[in-house]
Amino acid sequence: AKNTVFLMMNSLKLEDTAVYYCAASAPLGSG
């Protein structure tokens, strides 16, 4: 309804440090 995707990240570790990118698949796709 809000055209929004979330990523809830718990118990974060040092190795989770990164630039995080949101992406949309081709229509009717995923993967």
ModelCIF file with pLDDT and N, C-alpha, C, O atoms, coordinates in Angstrom:
data_MODEL
#
_entry.id   MODEL 
#
_entity.id                         1 
_entity.type                       polymer 
_entity.pdbx_number_of_molecules   1 
#
_entity_poly.entity_id                      1 
_entity_poly.type                           'polypeptide(L)' 
_entity_poly.nstd_linkage                   no 
_entity_poly.nstd_monomer                   no 
_entity_poly.pdbx_seq_one_letter_code       AKNTVFLMMNSLKLEDTAVYYCAASAPLGSG 
_entity_poly.pdbx_seq_one_letter_code_can   AKNTVFLMMNSLKLEDTAVYYCAASAPLGSG 
_entity_poly.pdbx_strand_id                 A 
#
loop_
_entity_poly_seq.entity_id 
_entity_poly_seq.num 
_entity_poly_seq.mon_id 
_entity_poly_seq.hetero 
1 1  ALA n 
1 2  LYS n 
1 3  ASN n 
1 4  THR n 
1 5  VAL n 
1 6  PHE n 
1 7  LEU n 
1 8  MET n 
1 9  MET n 
1 10 ASN n 
1 11 SER n 
1 12 LEU n 
1 13 LYS n 
1 14 LEU n 
1 15 GLU n 
1 16 ASP n 
1 17 THR n 
1 18 ALA n 
1 19 VAL n 
1 20 TYR n 
1 21 TYR n 
1 22 CYS n 
1 23 ALA n 
1 24 ALA n 
1 25 SER n 
1 26 ALA n 
1 27 PRO n 
1 28 LEU n 
1 29 GLY n 
1 30 SER n 
1 31 GLY n 
#
_struct_asym.id          A 
_struct_asym.entity_id   1 
#
loop_
_ma_qa_metric.id 
_ma_qa_metric.mode 
_ma_qa_metric.name 
_ma_qa_metric.software_group_id 
_ma_qa_metric.type 
1 global pLDDT . pLDDT 
2 local  pLDDT . pLDDT 
#
_ma_qa_metric_global.metric_id      1 
_ma_qa_metric_global.metric_value   96.00 
_ma_qa_metric_global.model_id       1 
_ma_qa_metric_global.ordinal_id     1 
#
loop_
_ma_qa_metric_local.label_asym_id 
_ma_qa_metric_local.label_comp_id 
_ma_qa_metric_local.label_seq_id 
_ma_qa_metric_local.metric_id 
_ma_qa_metric_local.metric_value 
_ma_qa_metric_local.model_id 
_ma_qa_metric_local.ordinal_id 
A ALA 1  2 94.00 1 1  
A LYS 2  2 96.00 1 2  
A ASN 3  2 96.00 1 3  
A THR 4  2 97.00 1 4  
A VAL 5  2 97.00 1 5  
A PHE 6  2 98.00 1 6  
A LEU 7  2 98.00 1 7  
A MET 8  2 98.00 1 8  
A MET 9  2 98.00 1 9  
A ASN 10 2 98.00 1 10 
A SER 11 2 98.00 1 11 
A LEU 12 2 98.00 1 12 
A LYS 13 2 98.00 1 13 
A LEU 14 2 98.00 1 14 
A GLU 15 2 97.00 1 15 
A ASP 16 2 98.00 1 16 
A THR 17 2 98.00 1 17 
A ALA 18 2 98.00 1 18 
A VAL 19 2 98.00 1 19 
A TYR 20 2 98.00 1 20 
A TYR 21 2 98.00 1 21 
A CYS 22 2 98.00 1 22 
A ALA 23 2 98.00 1 23 
A ALA 24 2 97.00 1 24 
A SER 25 2 96.00 1 25 
A ALA 26 2 94.00 1 26 
A PRO 27 2 91.00 1 27 
A LEU 28 2 89.00 1 28 
A GLY 29 2 87.00 1 29 
A SER 30 2 88.00 1 30 
A GLY 31 2 91.00 1 31 
#
loop_
_atom_site.group_PDB 
_atom_site.id 
_atom_site.type_symbol 
_atom_site.label_atom_id 
_atom_site.label_alt_id 
_atom_site.label_comp_id 
_atom_site.label_asym_id 
_atom_site.label_entity_id 
_atom_site.label_seq_id 
_atom_site.pdbx_PDB_ins_code 
_atom_site.Cartn_x 
_atom_site.Cartn_y 
_atom_site.Cartn_z 
_atom_site.occupancy 
_atom_site.B_iso_or_equiv 
_atom_site.pdbx_formal_charge 
_atom_site.auth_seq_id 
_atom_site.auth_comp_id 
_atom_site.auth_asym_id 
_atom_site.auth_atom_id 
_atom_site.pdbx_PDB_model_num 
ATOM 1   N N  . ALA A 1 1  ? 0.815  -1.207  0.000   1.00 94.00 ? 1  ALA A N  1 
ATOM 2   C CA . ALA A 1 1  ? 0.000  0.000   0.000   1.00 94.00 ? 1  ALA A CA 1 
ATOM 3   C C  . ALA A 1 1  ? 0.851  1.260   0.000   1.00 94.00 ? 1  ALA A C  1 
ATOM 4   O O  . ALA A 1 1  ? 0.407  2.313   -0.458  1.00 94.00 ? 1  ALA A O  1 
ATOM 5   N N  . LYS A 1 2  ? 2.060  1.156   0.508   1.00 96.00 ? 2  LYS A N  1 
ATOM 6   C CA . LYS A 1 2  ? 2.956  2.308   0.595   1.00 96.00 ? 2  LYS A CA 1 
ATOM 7   C C  . LYS A 1 2  ? 4.140  2.225   -0.356  1.00 96.00 ? 2  LYS A C  1 
ATOM 8   O O  . LYS A 1 2  ? 5.017  3.088   -0.332  1.00 96.00 ? 2  LYS A O  1 
ATOM 9   N N  . ASN A 1 3  ? 4.171  1.199   -1.188  1.00 96.00 ? 3  ASN A N  1 
ATOM 10  C CA . ASN A 1 3  ? 5.273  1.010   -2.135  1.00 96.00 ? 3  ASN A CA 1 
ATOM 11  C C  . ASN A 1 3  ? 6.629  1.076   -1.430  1.00 96.00 ? 3  ASN A C  1 
ATOM 12  O O  . ASN A 1 3  ? 7.544  1.780   -1.860  1.00 96.00 ? 3  ASN A O  1 
ATOM 13  N N  . THR A 1 4  ? 6.726  0.335   -0.355  1.00 97.00 ? 4  THR A N  1 
ATOM 14  C CA . THR A 1 4  ? 7.924  0.388   0.474   1.00 97.00 ? 4  THR A CA 1 
ATOM 15  C C  . THR A 1 4  ? 8.368  -1.019  0.856   1.00 97.00 ? 4  THR A C  1 
ATOM 16  O O  . THR A 1 4  ? 7.544  -1.886  1.148   1.00 97.00 ? 4  THR A O  1 
ATOM 17  N N  . VAL A 1 5  ? 9.670  -1.231  0.849   1.00 97.00 ? 5  VAL A N  1 
ATOM 18  C CA . VAL A 1 5  ? 10.246 -2.482  1.314   1.00 97.00 ? 5  VAL A CA 1 
ATOM 19  C C  . VAL A 1 5  ? 11.169 -2.168  2.487   1.00 97.00 ? 5  VAL A C  1 
ATOM 20  O O  . VAL A 1 5  ? 11.810 -1.118  2.523   1.00 97.00 ? 5  VAL A O  1 
ATOM 21  N N  . PHE A 1 6  ? 11.226 -3.085  3.439   1.00 98.00 ? 6  PHE A N  1 
ATOM 22  C CA . PHE A 1 6  ? 11.994 -2.889  4.656   1.00 98.00 ? 6  PHE A CA 1 
ATOM 23  C C  . PHE A 1 6  ? 13.003 -4.010  4.840   1.00 98.00 ? 6  PHE A C  1 
ATOM 24  O O  . PHE A 1 6  ? 12.827 -5.121  4.342   1.00 98.00 ? 6  PHE A O  1 
ATOM 25  N N  . LEU A 1 7  ? 14.045 -3.694  5.555   1.00 98.00 ? 7  LEU A N  1 
ATOM 26  C CA . LEU A 1 7  ? 14.966 -4.711  6.042   1.00 98.00 ? 7  LEU A CA 1 
ATOM 27  C C  . LEU A 1 7  ? 15.219 -4.437  7.515   1.00 98.00 ? 7  LEU A C  1 
ATOM 28  O O  . LEU A 1 7  ? 15.899 -3.476  7.875   1.00 98.00 ? 7  LEU A O  1 
ATOM 29  N N  . MET A 1 8  ? 14.664 -5.292  8.361   1.00 98.00 ? 8  MET A N  1 
ATOM 30  C CA . MET A 1 8  ? 14.895 -5.196  9.796   1.00 98.00 ? 8  MET A CA 1 
ATOM 31  C C  . MET A 1 8  ? 16.125 -6.019  10.126  1.00 98.00 ? 8  MET A C  1 
ATOM 32  O O  . MET A 1 8  ? 16.168 -7.218  9.852   1.00 98.00 ? 8  MET A O  1 
ATOM 33  N N  . MET A 1 9  ? 17.111 -5.387  10.707  1.00 98.00 ? 9  MET A N  1 
ATOM 34  C CA . MET A 1 9  ? 18.382 -6.031  10.997  1.00 98.00 ? 9  MET A CA 1 
ATOM 35  C C  . MET A 1 9  ? 18.592 -6.049  12.503  1.00 98.00 ? 9  MET A C  1 
ATOM 36  O O  . MET A 1 9  ? 18.715 -5.001  13.138  1.00 98.00 ? 9  MET A O  1 
ATOM 37  N N  . ASN A 1 10 ? 18.632 -7.235  13.060  1.00 98.00 ? 10 ASN A N  1 
ATOM 38  C CA . ASN A 1 10 ? 18.862 -7.430  14.484  1.00 98.00 ? 10 ASN A CA 1 
ATOM 39  C C  . ASN A 1 10 ? 20.197 -8.124  14.706  1.00 98.00 ? 10 ASN A C  1 
ATOM 40  O O  . ASN A 1 10 ? 20.769 -8.715  13.790  1.00 98.00 ? 10 ASN A O  1 
ATOM 41  N N  . SER A 1 11 ? 20.675 -8.040  15.926  1.00 98.00 ? 11 SER A N  1 
ATOM 42  C CA . SER A 1 11 ? 21.916 -8.718  16.314  1.00 98.00 ? 11 SER A CA 1 
ATOM 43  C C  . SER A 1 11 ? 23.039 -8.434  15.333  1.00 98.00 ? 11 SER A C  1 
ATOM 44  O O  . SER A 1 11 ? 23.721 -9.348  14.871  1.00 98.00 ? 11 SER A O  1 
ATOM 45  N N  . LEU A 1 12 ? 23.221 -7.180  15.023  1.00 98.00 ? 12 LEU A N  1 
ATOM 46  C CA . LEU A 1 12 ? 24.199 -6.793  14.019  1.00 98.00 ? 12 LEU A CA 1 
ATOM 47  C C  . LEU A 1 12 ? 25.620 -7.145  14.444  1.00 98.00 ? 12 LEU A C  1 
ATOM 48  O O  . LEU A 1 12 ? 25.984 -7.057  15.616  1.00 98.00 ? 12 LEU A O  1 
ATOM 49  N N  . LYS A 1 13 ? 26.402 -7.542  13.457  1.00 98.00 ? 13 LYS A N  1 
ATOM 50  C CA . LYS A 1 13 ? 27.782 -7.933  13.651  1.00 98.00 ? 13 LYS A CA 1 
ATOM 51  C C  . LYS A 1 13 ? 28.696 -7.009  12.866  1.00 98.00 ? 13 LYS A C  1 
ATOM 52  O O  . LYS A 1 13 ? 28.261 -6.336  11.932  1.00 98.00 ? 13 LYS A O  1 
ATOM 53  N N  . LEU A 1 14 ? 29.963 -6.979  13.249  1.00 98.00 ? 14 LEU A N  1 
ATOM 54  C CA . LEU A 1 14 ? 30.928 -6.141  12.559  1.00 98.00 ? 14 LEU A CA 1 
ATOM 55  C C  . LEU A 1 14 ? 30.941 -6.429  11.063  1.00 98.00 ? 14 LEU A C  1 
ATOM 56  O O  . LEU A 1 14 ? 31.070 -5.509  10.256  1.00 98.00 ? 14 LEU A O  1 
ATOM 57  N N  . GLU A 1 15 ? 30.811 -7.684  10.691  1.00 97.00 ? 15 GLU A N  1 
ATOM 58  C CA . GLU A 1 15 ? 30.870 -8.059  9.287   1.00 97.00 ? 15 GLU A CA 1 
ATOM 59  C C  . GLU A 1 15 ? 29.639 -7.649  8.486   1.00 97.00 ? 15 GLU A C  1 
ATOM 60  O O  . GLU A 1 15 ? 29.611 -7.824  7.268   1.00 97.00 ? 15 GLU A O  1 
ATOM 61  N N  . ASP A 1 16 ? 28.627 -7.109  9.149   1.00 98.00 ? 16 ASP A N  1 
ATOM 62  C CA . ASP A 1 16 ? 27.476 -6.567  8.442   1.00 98.00 ? 16 ASP A CA 1 
ATOM 63  C C  . ASP A 1 16 ? 27.735 -5.161  7.906   1.00 98.00 ? 16 ASP A C  1 
ATOM 64  O O  . ASP A 1 16 ? 26.916 -4.623  7.162   1.00 98.00 ? 16 ASP A O  1 
ATOM 65  N N  . THR A 1 17 ? 28.845 -4.576  8.272   1.00 98.00 ? 17 THR A N  1 
ATOM 66  C CA . THR A 1 17 ? 29.182 -3.234  7.799   1.00 98.00 ? 17 THR A CA 1 
ATOM 67  C C  . THR A 1 17 ? 29.306 -3.230  6.277   1.00 98.00 ? 17 THR A C  1 
ATOM 68  O O  . THR A 1 17 ? 30.073 -4.005  5.705   1.00 98.00 ? 17 THR A O  1 
ATOM 69  N N  . ALA A 1 18 ? 28.550 -2.356  5.634   1.00 98.00 ? 18 ALA A N  1 
ATOM 70  C CA . ALA A 1 18 ? 28.533 -2.297  4.179   1.00 98.00 ? 18 ALA A CA 1 
ATOM 71  C C  . ALA A 1 18 ? 27.615 -1.168  3.750   1.00 98.00 ? 18 ALA A C  1 
ATOM 72  O O  . ALA A 1 18 ? 26.887 -0.593  4.559   1.00 98.00 ? 18 ALA A O  1 
ATOM 73  N N  . VAL A 1 19 ? 27.663 -0.865  2.465   1.00 98.00 ? 19 VAL A N  1 
ATOM 74  C CA . VAL A 1 19 ? 26.626 -0.059  1.848   1.00 98.00 ? 19 VAL A CA 1 
ATOM 75  C C  . VAL A 1 19 ? 25.516 -1.005  1.424   1.00 98.00 ? 19 VAL A C  1 
ATOM 76  O O  . VAL A 1 19 ? 25.762 -1.993  0.733   1.00 98.00 ? 19 VAL A O  1 
ATOM 77  N N  . TYR A 1 20 ? 24.308 -0.705  1.835   1.00 98.00 ? 20 TYR A N  1 
ATOM 78  C CA . TYR A 1 20 ? 23.154 -1.539  1.526   1.00 98.00 ? 20 TYR A CA 1 
ATOM 79  C C  . TYR A 1 20 ? 22.339 -0.898  0.416   1.00 98.00 ? 20 TYR A C  1 
ATOM 80  O O  . TYR A 1 20 ? 22.019 0.290   0.462   1.00 98.00 ? 20 TYR A O  1 
ATOM 81  N N  . TYR A 1 21 ? 22.011 -1.708  -0.580  1.00 98.00 ? 21 TYR A N  1 
ATOM 82  C CA . TYR A 1 21 ? 21.284 -1.249  -1.753  1.00 98.00 ? 21 TYR A CA 1 
ATOM 83  C C  . TYR A 1 21 ? 19.938 -1.938  -1.859  1.00 98.00 ? 21 TYR A C  1 
ATOM 84  O O  . TYR A 1 21 ? 19.835 -3.153  -1.692  1.00 98.00 ? 21 TYR A O  1 
ATOM 85  N N  . CYS A 1 22 ? 18.924 -1.167  -2.134  1.00 98.00 ? 22 CYS A N  1 
ATOM 86  C CA . CYS A 1 22 ? 17.604 -1.670  -2.444  1.00 98.00 ? 22 CYS A CA 1 
ATOM 87  C C  . CYS A 1 22 ? 17.501 -1.874  -3.948  1.00 98.00 ? 22 CYS A C  1 
ATOM 88  O O  . CYS A 1 22 ? 18.036 -1.077  -4.718  1.00 98.00 ? 22 CYS A O  1 
ATOM 89  N N  . ALA A 1 23 ? 16.820 -2.934  -4.376  1.00 98.00 ? 23 ALA A N  1 
ATOM 90  C CA . ALA A 1 23 ? 16.697 -3.227  -5.798  1.00 98.00 ? 23 ALA A CA 1 
ATOM 91  C C  . ALA A 1 23 ? 15.337 -3.821  -6.112  1.00 98.00 ? 23 ALA A C  1 
ATOM 92  O O  . ALA A 1 23 ? 14.738 -4.512  -5.288  1.00 98.00 ? 23 ALA A O  1 
ATOM 93  N N  . ALA A 1 24 ? 14.860 -3.542  -7.318  1.00 97.00 ? 24 ALA A N  1 
ATOM 94  C CA . ALA A 1 24 ? 13.612 -4.099  -7.824  1.00 97.00 ? 24 ALA A CA 1 
ATOM 95  C C  . ALA A 1 24 ? 13.912 -5.021  -8.993  1.00 97.00 ? 24 ALA A C  1 
ATOM 96  O O  . ALA A 1 24 ? 14.718 -4.694  -9.864  1.00 97.00 ? 24 ALA A O  1 
ATOM 97  N N  . SER A 1 25 ? 13.264 -6.169  -9.005  1.00 96.00 ? 25 SER A N  1 
ATOM 98  C CA . SER A 1 25 ? 13.465 -7.141  -10.068 1.00 96.00 ? 25 SER A CA 1 
ATOM 99  C C  . SER A 1 25 ? 12.803 -6.698  -11.355 1.00 96.00 ? 25 SER A C  1 
ATOM 100 O O  . SER A 1 25 ? 12.070 -5.709  -11.388 1.00 96.00 ? 25 SER A O  1 
ATOM 101 N N  . ALA A 1 26 ? 13.072 -7.443  -12.414 1.00 94.00 ? 26 ALA A N  1 
ATOM 102 C CA . ALA A 1 26 ? 12.268 -7.324  -13.618 1.00 94.00 ? 26 ALA A CA 1 
ATOM 103 C C  . ALA A 1 26 ? 10.818 -7.642  -13.273 1.00 94.00 ? 26 ALA A C  1 
ATOM 104 O O  . ALA A 1 26 ? 10.555 -8.316  -12.276 1.00 94.00 ? 26 ALA A O  1 
ATOM 105 N N  . PRO A 1 27 ? 9.870  -7.165  -14.085 1.00 91.00 ? 27 PRO A N  1 
ATOM 106 C CA . PRO A 1 27 ? 8.463  -7.440  -13.775 1.00 91.00 ? 27 PRO A CA 1 
ATOM 107 C C  . PRO A 1 27 ? 8.183  -8.924  -13.609 1.00 91.00 ? 27 PRO A C  1 
ATOM 108 O O  . PRO A 1 27 ? 8.633  -9.749  -14.405 1.00 91.00 ? 27 PRO A O  1 
ATOM 109 N N  . LEU A 1 28 ? 7.447  -9.247  -12.584 1.00 89.00 ? 28 LEU A N  1 
ATOM 110 C CA . LEU A 1 28 ? 7.052  -10.613 -12.239 1.00 89.00 ? 28 LEU A CA 1 
ATOM 111 C C  . LEU A 1 28 ? 8.249  -11.505 -11.928 1.00 89.00 ? 28 LEU A C  1 
ATOM 112 O O  . LEU A 1 28 ? 8.166  -12.729 -12.039 1.00 89.00 ? 28 LEU A O  1 
ATOM 113 N N  . GLY A 1 29 ? 9.330  -10.901 -11.549 1.00 87.00 ? 29 GLY A N  1 
ATOM 114 C CA . GLY A 1 29 ? 10.531 -11.641 -11.246 1.00 87.00 ? 29 GLY A CA 1 
ATOM 115 C C  . GLY A 1 29 ? 10.932 -11.539 -9.783  1.00 87.00 ? 29 GLY A C  1 
ATOM 116 O O  . GLY A 1 29 ? 10.327 -10.815 -8.993  1.00 87.00 ? 29 GLY A O  1 
ATOM 117 N N  . SER A 1 30 ? 11.953 -12.278 -9.459  1.00 88.00 ? 30 SER A N  1 
ATOM 118 C CA . SER A 1 30 ? 12.565 -12.253 -8.147  1.00 88.00 ? 30 SER A CA 1 
ATOM 119 C C  . SER A 1 30 ? 13.841 -13.069 -8.251  1.00 88.00 ? 30 SER A C  1 
ATOM 120 O O  . SER A 1 30 ? 14.184 -13.556 -9.329  1.00 88.00 ? 30 SER A O  1 
ATOM 121 N N  . GLY A 1 31 ? 14.541 -13.219 -7.146  1.00 91.00 ? 31 GLY A N  1 
ATOM 122 C CA . GLY A 1 31 ? 15.714 -14.059 -7.187  1.00 91.00 ? 31 GLY A CA 1 
ATOM 123 C C  . GLY A 1 31 ? 16.800 -13.581 -6.264  1.00 91.00 ? 31 GLY A C  1 
ATOM 124 O O  . GLY A 1 31 ? 17.863 -14.198 -6.190  1.00 91.00 ? 31 GLY A O  1 
#
